[in-house]
Amino acid sequence: MRKNVSLARLIESNKENLNNNQMFIDLIEEKVHRKQVEMQERHLTTTNNLSWEKEG
């Protein structure tokens, strides 16, 4: 019976760890996405500024 209890605890702990890991992955993906958008906007702004400089 004791093995069943510790096994159940281990399974529950693993589920919690998986959940925490997934939350961490989601957070990282969100930060990466925000950075990609920021870099894309910066690139578009730079490209736009360069095209204005060529015309002017």
PDB file of N, CA and C in Angstrom:
ATOM      1  N   MET A   1       0.827  -1.206   0.000  1.00  0.00           N
ATOM      2  CA  MET A   1       0.000   0.000   0.000  1.00  0.00           C
ATOM      3  C   MET A   1       0.864   1.260   0.000  1.00  0.00           C
ATOM      4  N   ARG A   2       1.980   1.209   0.724  1.00  0.00           N
ATOM      5  CA  ARG A   2       2.857   2.367   0.805  1.00  0.00           C
ATOM      6  C   ARG A   2       3.438   2.723  -0.565  1.00  0.00           C
ATOM      7  N   LYS A   3       3.787   1.692  -1.366  1.00  0.00           N
ATOM      8  CA  LYS A   3       4.317   1.931  -2.706  1.00  0.00           C
ATOM      9  C   LYS A   3       3.280   2.620  -3.583  1.00  0.00           C
ATOM     10  N   ASN A   4       2.010   2.232  -3.436  1.00  0.00           N
ATOM     11  CA  ASN A   4       0.945   2.839  -4.227  1.00  0.00           C
ATOM     12  C   ASN A   4       0.797   4.320  -3.901  1.00  0.00           C
ATOM     13  N   VAL A   5       0.926   4.654  -2.624  1.00  0.00           N
ATOM     14  CA  VAL A   5       0.795   6.049  -2.200  1.00  0.00           C
ATOM     15  C   VAL A   5       1.955   6.874  -2.761  1.00  0.00           C
ATOM     16  N   SER A   6       3.182   6.362  -2.627  1.00  0.00           N
ATOM     17  CA  SER A   6       4.329   7.116  -3.130  1.00  0.00           C
ATOM     18  C   SER A   6       4.301   7.194  -4.655  1.00  0.00           C
ATOM     19  N   LEU A   7       3.819   6.152  -5.309  1.00  0.00           N
ATOM     20  CA  LEU A   7       3.699   6.169  -6.766  1.00  0.00           C
ATOM     21  C   LEU A   7       2.657   7.198  -7.187  1.00  0.00           C
ATOM     22  N   ALA A   8       1.553   7.231  -6.488  1.00  0.00           N
ATOM     23  CA  ALA A   8       0.511   8.220  -6.788  1.00  0.00           C
ATOM     24  C   ALA A   8       1.049   9.636  -6.583  1.00  0.00           C
ATOM     25  N   ARG A   9       1.829   9.822  -5.528  1.00  0.00           N
ATOM     26  CA  ARG A   9       2.434  11.132  -5.260  1.00  0.00           C
ATOM     27  C   ARG A   9       3.413  11.512  -6.374  1.00  0.00           C
ATOM     28  N   LEU A  10       4.189  10.542  -6.801  1.00  0.00           N
ATOM     29  CA  LEU A  10       5.160  10.772  -7.875  1.00  0.00           C
ATOM     30  C   LEU A  10       4.443  11.144  -9.175  1.00  0.00           C
ATOM     31  N   ILE A  11       3.379  10.449  -9.483  1.00  0.00           N
ATOM     32  CA  ILE A  11       2.600  10.747 -10.690  1.00  0.00           C
ATOM     33  C   ILE A  11       2.026  12.155 -10.613  1.00  0.00           C
ATOM     34  N   GLU A  12       1.474  12.501  -9.472  1.00  0.00           N
ATOM     35  CA  GLU A  12       0.894  13.836  -9.281  1.00  0.00           C
ATOM     36  C   GLU A  12       1.975  14.913  -9.410  1.00  0.00           C
ATOM     37  N   SER A  13       3.127  14.660  -8.823  1.00  0.00           N
ATOM     38  CA  SER A  13       4.241  15.601  -8.898  1.00  0.00           C
ATOM     39  C   SER A  13       4.695  15.774 -10.349  1.00  0.00           C
ATOM     40  N   ASN A  14       4.751  14.683 -11.097  1.00  0.00           N
ATOM     41  CA  ASN A  14       5.139  14.744 -12.512  1.00  0.00           C
ATOM     42  C   ASN A  14       4.132  15.553 -13.321  1.00  0.00           C
ATOM     43  N   LYS A  15       2.845  15.383 -13.028  1.00  0.00           N
ATOM     44  CA  LYS A  15       1.806  16.156 -13.719  1.00  0.00           C
ATOM     45  C   LYS A  15       1.983  17.644 -13.447  1.00  0.00           C
ATOM     46  N   GLU A  16       2.268  17.983 -12.200  1.00  0.00           N
ATOM     47  CA  GLU A  16       2.484  19.385 -11.840  1.00  0.00           C
ATOM     48  C   GLU A  16       3.711  19.935 -12.560  1.00  0.00           C
ATOM     49  N   ASN A  17       4.775  19.145 -12.607  1.00  0.00           N
ATOM     50  CA  ASN A  17       5.989  19.575 -13.307  1.00  0.00           C
ATOM     51  C   ASN A  17       5.737  19.785 -14.794  1.00  0.00           C
ATOM     52  N   LEU A  18       4.979  18.878 -15.390  1.00  0.00           N
ATOM     53  CA  LEU A  18       4.650  19.032 -16.807  1.00  0.00           C
ATOM     54  C   LEU A  18       3.837  20.304 -17.042  1.00  0.00           C
ATOM     55  N   ASN A  19       2.906  20.550 -16.154  1.00  0.00           N
ATOM     56  CA  ASN A  19       2.077  21.752 -16.264  1.00  0.00           C
ATOM     57  C   ASN A  19       2.942  23.008 -16.129  1.00  0.00           C
ATOM     58  N   ASN A  20       3.849  23.010 -15.152  1.00  0.00           N
ATOM     59  CA  ASN A  20       4.745  24.150 -14.971  1.00  0.00           C
ATOM     60  C   ASN A  20       5.655  24.340 -16.181  1.00  0.00           C
ATOM     61  N   ASN A  21       6.156  23.233 -16.703  1.00  0.00           N
ATOM     62  CA  ASN A  21       7.009  23.310 -17.890  1.00  0.00           C
ATOM     63  C   ASN A  21       6.245  23.891 -19.078  1.00  0.00           C
ATOM     64  N   GLN A  22       4.995  23.479 -19.241  1.00  0.00           N
ATOM     65  CA  GLN A  22       4.187  23.981 -20.358  1.00  0.00           C
ATOM     66  C   GLN A  22       3.921  25.473 -20.197  1.00  0.00           C
ATOM     67  N   MET A  23       3.666  25.913 -18.974  1.00  0.00           N
ATOM     68  CA  MET A  23       3.454  27.341 -18.731  1.00  0.00           C
ATOM     69  C   MET A  23       4.717  28.130 -19.062  1.00  0.00           C
ATOM     70  N   PHE A  24       5.869  27.567 -18.698  1.00  0.00           N
ATOM     71  CA  PHE A  24       7.146  28.214 -18.990  1.00  0.00           C
ATOM     72  C   PHE A  24       7.375  28.294 -20.498  1.00  0.00           C
ATOM     73  N   ILE A  25       7.093  27.208 -21.204  1.00  0.00           N
ATOM     74  CA  ILE A  25       7.229  27.181 -22.661  1.00  0.00           C
ATOM     75  C   ILE A  25       6.308  28.212 -23.299  1.00  0.00           C
ATOM     76  N   ASP A  26       5.068  28.284 -22.824  1.00  0.00           N
ATOM     77  CA  ASP A  26       4.115  29.261 -23.355  1.00  0.00           C
ATOM     78  C   ASP A  26       4.619  30.686 -23.154  1.00  0.00           C
ATOM     79  N   LEU A  27       5.181  30.952 -21.983  1.00  0.00           N
ATOM     80  CA  LEU A  27       5.722  32.277 -21.685  1.00  0.00           C
ATOM     81  C   LEU A  27       6.871  32.625 -22.627  1.00  0.00           C
ATOM     82  N   ILE A  28       7.770  31.670 -22.829  1.00  0.00           N
ATOM     83  CA  ILE A  28       8.911  31.885 -23.731  1.00  0.00           C
ATOM     84  C   ILE A  28       8.413  32.137 -25.157  1.00  0.00           C
ATOM     85  N   GLU A  29       7.446  31.324 -25.601  1.00  0.00           N
ATOM     86  CA  GLU A  29       6.919  31.499 -26.960  1.00  0.00           C
ATOM     87  C   GLU A  29       6.273  32.871 -27.123  1.00  0.00           C
ATOM     88  N   GLU A  30       5.585  33.317 -26.101  1.00  0.00           N
ATOM     89  CA  GLU A  30       4.957  34.639 -26.142  1.00  0.00           C
ATOM     90  C   GLU A  30       6.020  35.736 -26.248  1.00  0.00           C
ATOM     91  N   LYS A  31       7.096  35.605 -25.464  1.00  0.00           N
ATOM     92  CA  LYS A  31       8.178  36.594 -25.505  1.00  0.00           C
ATOM     93  C   LYS A  31       8.879  36.583 -26.861  1.00  0.00           C
ATOM     94  N   VAL A  32       9.095  35.402 -27.407  1.00  0.00           N
ATOM     95  CA  VAL A  32       9.736  35.289 -28.722  1.00  0.00           C
ATOM     96  C   VAL A  32       8.854  35.947 -29.777  1.00  0.00           C
ATOM     97  N   HIS A  33       7.558  35.678 -29.714  1.00  0.00           N
ATOM     98  CA  HIS A  33       6.630  36.262 -30.683  1.00  0.00           C
ATOM     99  C   HIS A  33       6.646  37.793 -30.596  1.00  0.00           C
ATOM    100  N   ARG A  34       6.609  38.312 -29.372  1.00  0.00           N
ATOM    101  CA  ARG A  34       6.640  39.774 -29.189  1.00  0.00           C
ATOM    102  C   ARG A  34       7.931  40.361 -29.764  1.00  0.00           C
ATOM    103  N   LYS A  35       9.044  39.668 -29.533  1.00  0.00           N
ATOM    104  CA  LYS A  35      10.331  40.132 -30.046  1.00  0.00           C
ATOM    105  C   LYS A  35      10.344  40.105 -31.567  1.00  0.00           C
ATOM    106  N   GLN A  36       9.764  39.056 -32.164  1.00  0.00           N
ATOM    107  CA  GLN A  36       9.703  38.958 -33.623  1.00  0.00           C
ATOM    108  C   GLN A  36       8.883  40.099 -34.208  1.00  0.00           C
ATOM    109  N   VAL A  37       7.758  40.403 -33.572  1.00  0.00           N
ATOM    110  CA  VAL A  37       6.909  41.505 -34.033  1.00  0.00           C
ATOM    111  C   VAL A  37       7.666  42.823 -33.906  1.00  0.00           C
ATOM    112  N   GLU A  38       8.338  43.001 -32.773  1.00  0.00           N
ATOM    113  CA  GLU A  38       9.122  44.221 -32.545  1.00  0.00           C
ATOM    114  C   GLU A  38      10.212  44.379 -33.607  1.00  0.00           C
ATOM    115  N   MET A  39      10.921  43.293 -33.897  1.00  0.00           N
ATOM    116  CA  MET A  39      11.994  43.352 -34.890  1.00  0.00           C
ATOM    117  C   MET A  39      11.417  43.625 -36.288  1.00  0.00           C
ATOM    118  N   GLN A  40      10.274  43.017 -36.585  1.00  0.00           N
ATOM    119  CA  GLN A  40       9.634  43.234 -37.888  1.00  0.00           C
ATOM    120  C   GLN A  40       9.198  44.692 -38.017  1.00  0.00           C
ATOM    121  N   GLU A  41       8.602  45.240 -36.961  1.00  0.00           N
ATOM    122  CA  GLU A  41       8.180  46.641 -36.989  1.00  0.00           C
ATOM    123  C   GLU A  41       9.388  47.561 -37.135  1.00  0.00           C
ATOM    124  N   ARG A  42      10.472  47.234 -36.438  1.00  0.00           N
ATOM    125  CA  ARG A  42      11.691  48.034 -36.524  1.00  0.00           C
ATOM    126  C   ARG A  42      12.254  47.986 -37.948  1.00  0.00           C
ATOM    127  N   HIS A  43      12.222  46.794 -38.550  1.00  0.00           N
ATOM    128  CA  HIS A  43      12.711  46.639 -39.920  1.00  0.00           C
ATOM    129  C   HIS A  43      11.854  47.454 -40.884  1.00  0.00           C
ATOM    130  N   LEU A  44      10.532  47.392 -40.722  1.00  0.00           N
ATOM    131  CA  LEU A  44       9.636  48.139 -41.601  1.00  0.00           C
ATOM    132  C   LEU A  44       9.848  49.638 -41.431  1.00  0.00           C
ATOM    133  N   THR A  45      10.035  50.074 -40.201  1.00  0.00           N
ATOM    134  CA  THR A  45      10.274  51.497 -39.929  1.00  0.00           C
ATOM    135  C   THR A  45      11.584  51.937 -40.574  1.00  0.00           C
ATOM    136  N   THR A  46      12.623  51.128 -40.413  1.00  0.00           N
ATOM    137  CA  THR A  46      13.932  51.448 -41.000  1.00  0.00           C
ATOM    138  C   THR A  46      13.836  51.487 -42.522  1.00  0.00           C
ATOM    139  N   THR A  47      13.163  50.488 -43.095  1.00  0.00           N
ATOM    140  CA  THR A  47      13.004  50.415 -44.552  1.00  0.00           C
ATOM    141  C   THR A  47      12.224  51.627 -45.045  1.00  0.00           C
ATOM    142  N   ASN A  48      11.173  51.982 -44.330  1.00  0.00           N
ATOM    143  CA  ASN A  48      10.353  53.132 -44.698  1.00  0.00           C
ATOM    144  C   ASN A  48      11.176  54.417 -44.618  1.00  0.00           C
ATOM    145  N   ASN A  49      11.945  54.573 -43.562  1.00  0.00           N
ATOM    146  CA  ASN A  49      12.787  55.761 -43.404  1.00  0.00           C
ATOM    147  C   ASN A  49      13.829  55.853 -44.517  1.00  0.00           C
ATOM    148  N   LEU A  50      14.407  54.718 -44.880  1.00  0.00           N
ATOM    149  CA  LEU A  50      15.410  54.718 -45.945  1.00  0.00           C
ATOM    150  C   LEU A  50      14.787  55.116 -47.277  1.00  0.00           C
ATOM    151  N   SER A  51      13.571  54.647 -47.557  1.00  0.00           N
ATOM    152  CA  SER A  51      12.929  54.984 -48.831  1.00  0.00           C
ATOM    153  C   SER A  51      12.591  56.478 -48.862  1.00  0.00           C
ATOM    154  N   TRP A  52      12.227  57.048 -47.722  1.00  0.00           N
ATOM    155  CA  TRP A  52      11.956  58.494 -47.665  1.00  0.00           C
ATOM    156  C   TRP A  52      13.241  59.275 -47.908  1.00  0.00           C
ATOM    157  N   GLU A  53      14.345  58.800 -47.346  1.00  0.00           N
ATOM    158  CA  GLU A  53      15.630  59.503 -47.517  1.00  0.00           C
ATOM    159  C   GLU A  53      16.064  59.481 -48.984  1.00  0.00           C
ATOM    160  N   LYS A  54      15.800  58.371 -49.695  1.00  0.00           N
ATOM    161  CA  LYS A  54      16.189  58.264 -51.101  1.00  0.00           C
ATOM    162  C   LYS A  54      15.388  59.254 -51.950  1.00  0.00           C
ATOM    163  N   GLU A  55      14.105  59.413 -51.603  1.00  0.00           N
ATOM    164  CA  GLU A  55      13.236  60.311 -52.382  1.00  0.00           C
ATOM    165  C   GLU A  55      13.565  61.766 -52.104  1.00  0.00           C
ATOM    166  N   GLY A  56      13.972  62.064 -50.875  1.00  0.00           N
ATOM    167  CA  GLY A  56      14.161  63.463 -50.460  1.00  0.00           C
ATOM    168  C   GLY A  56      15.514  63.924 -50.690  1.00  0.00           C
TER     169      GLY A  56
END
